[in-house]
């Protein structure tokens, strides 16, 4: 099964970085999501974004249209 995580929002207000990259208890929100999916045996994870900072968390898919 393929899991798609949507991280395409460009609205960072009031943050200076995307919310998914915010640190909570020493772990980014996207990192925690990916870790929990992998703990359940899910390896096919696709992250929908155009921000290259998400590359370390999984395969990136950049949509052509918003």
C-alpha atoms as a PDB file:
ATOM      1  CA  UNK A   1       0.000   0.000   0.000  1.00  0.00           C
ATOM      2  CA  UNK A   2       1.272   3.481  -0.886  1.00  0.00           C
ATOM      3  CA  UNK A   3       0.865   6.327   1.608  1.00  0.00           C
ATOM      4  CA  UNK A   4       0.801   9.945   0.457  1.00  0.00           C
ATOM      5  CA  UNK A   5       1.567  12.731   2.917  1.00  0.00           C
ATOM      6  CA  UNK A   6       0.410  16.151   1.746  1.00  0.00           C
ATOM      7  CA  UNK A   7       2.930  18.892   2.602  1.00  0.00           C
ATOM      8  CA  UNK A   8       2.293  21.377  -0.167  1.00  0.00           C
ATOM      9  CA  UNK A   9       1.102  24.429   1.762  1.00  0.00           C
ATOM     10  CA  UNK A  10       3.185  27.564   1.264  1.00  0.00           C
ATOM     11  CA  UNK A  11       1.506  29.390   4.149  1.00  0.00           C
ATOM     12  CA  UNK A  12       4.097  29.520   6.939  1.00  0.00           C
ATOM     13  CA  UNK A  13       2.465  32.242   9.047  1.00  0.00           C
ATOM     14  CA  UNK A  14       3.236  32.738  11.919  1.00  0.00           C
ATOM     15  CA  UNK A  15       6.155  30.307  11.446  1.00  0.00           C
ATOM     16  CA  UNK A  16       9.319  30.886   9.413  1.00  0.00           C
ATOM     17  CA  UNK A  17       9.424  27.277   8.162  1.00  0.00           C
ATOM     18  CA  UNK A  18       6.689  24.886   6.978  1.00  0.00           C
ATOM     19  CA  UNK A  19       4.646  23.608   9.925  1.00  0.00           C
ATOM     20  CA  UNK A  20       5.516  20.004   9.052  1.00  0.00           C
ATOM     21  CA  UNK A  21       9.185  20.774   9.807  1.00  0.00           C
ATOM     22  CA  UNK A  22       8.394  22.210  13.250  1.00  0.00           C
ATOM     23  CA  UNK A  23      10.145  20.450  16.115  1.00  0.00           C
ATOM     24  CA  UNK A  24       8.045  18.854  18.865  1.00  0.00           C
ATOM     25  CA  UNK A  25       9.883  16.941  21.593  1.00  0.00           C
ATOM     26  CA  UNK A  26      13.037  16.723  19.465  1.00  0.00           C
ATOM     27  CA  UNK A  27      11.352  15.391  16.318  1.00  0.00           C
ATOM     28  CA  UNK A  28       9.791  17.106  13.304  1.00  0.00           C
ATOM     29  CA  UNK A  29       6.095  16.498  12.694  1.00  0.00           C
ATOM     30  CA  UNK A  30       6.789  14.949   9.282  1.00  0.00           C
ATOM     31  CA  UNK A  31       9.585  12.849  10.764  1.00  0.00           C
ATOM     32  CA  UNK A  32       7.251  11.494  13.430  1.00  0.00           C
ATOM     33  CA  UNK A  33       4.582  10.658  10.853  1.00  0.00           C
ATOM     34  CA  UNK A  34       7.076   8.803   8.656  1.00  0.00           C
ATOM     35  CA  UNK A  35       8.574   6.984  11.662  1.00  0.00           C
ATOM     36  CA  UNK A  36       5.156   5.820  12.873  1.00  0.00           C
ATOM     37  CA  UNK A  37       4.219   4.571   9.394  1.00  0.00           C
ATOM     38  CA  UNK A  38       7.504   2.657   9.107  1.00  0.00           C
ATOM     39  CA  UNK A  39       6.967   1.124  12.553  1.00  0.00           C
ATOM     40  CA  UNK A  40       3.706  -0.283  11.162  1.00  0.00           C
ATOM     41  CA  UNK A  41       5.567  -1.854   8.234  1.00  0.00           C
ATOM     42  CA  UNK A  42       4.743   0.806   5.644  1.00  0.00           C
ATOM     43  CA  UNK A  43       7.750   1.474   3.410  1.00  0.00           C
ATOM     44  CA  UNK A  44       6.113   3.019   0.323  1.00  0.00           C
ATOM     45  CA  UNK A  45       5.709   6.642   1.449  1.00  0.00           C
ATOM     46  CA  UNK A  46       5.273   9.530  -0.970  1.00  0.00           C
ATOM     47  CA  UNK A  47       5.484  13.164   0.174  1.00  0.00           C
ATOM     48  CA  UNK A  48       3.609  15.660  -1.991  1.00  0.00           C
ATOM     49  CA  UNK A  49       5.556  18.944  -1.889  1.00  0.00           C
ATOM     50  CA  UNK A  50       7.817  21.199  -3.890  1.00  0.00           C
ATOM     51  CA  UNK A  51      10.075  21.981  -0.922  1.00  0.00           C
ATOM     52  CA  UNK A  52      13.380  20.077  -1.171  1.00  0.00           C
ATOM     53  CA  UNK A  53      13.803  20.113   2.637  1.00  0.00           C
ATOM     54  CA  UNK A  54      11.444  17.118   2.796  1.00  0.00           C
ATOM     55  CA  UNK A  55      13.757  14.849   0.747  1.00  0.00           C
ATOM     56  CA  UNK A  56      15.346  13.306   3.834  1.00  0.00           C
ATOM     57  CA  UNK A  57      11.953  11.926   4.934  1.00  0.00           C
ATOM     58  CA  UNK A  58      10.986  10.051   1.789  1.00  0.00           C
ATOM     59  CA  UNK A  59      10.331  10.150  -1.910  1.00  0.00           C
ATOM     60  CA  UNK A  60       9.160  13.547  -3.154  1.00  0.00           C
ATOM     61  CA  UNK A  61       6.339  14.082  -5.617  1.00  0.00           C
ATOM     62  CA  UNK A  62       5.999  17.619  -6.952  1.00  0.00           C
ATOM     63  CA  UNK A  63       2.515  18.210  -8.364  1.00  0.00           C
ATOM     64  CA  UNK A  64       2.251  20.169 -11.609  1.00  0.00           C
ATOM     65  CA  UNK A  65      -0.794  22.109 -10.406  1.00  0.00           C
ATOM     66  CA  UNK A  66      -1.771  23.368  -6.988  1.00  0.00           C
END
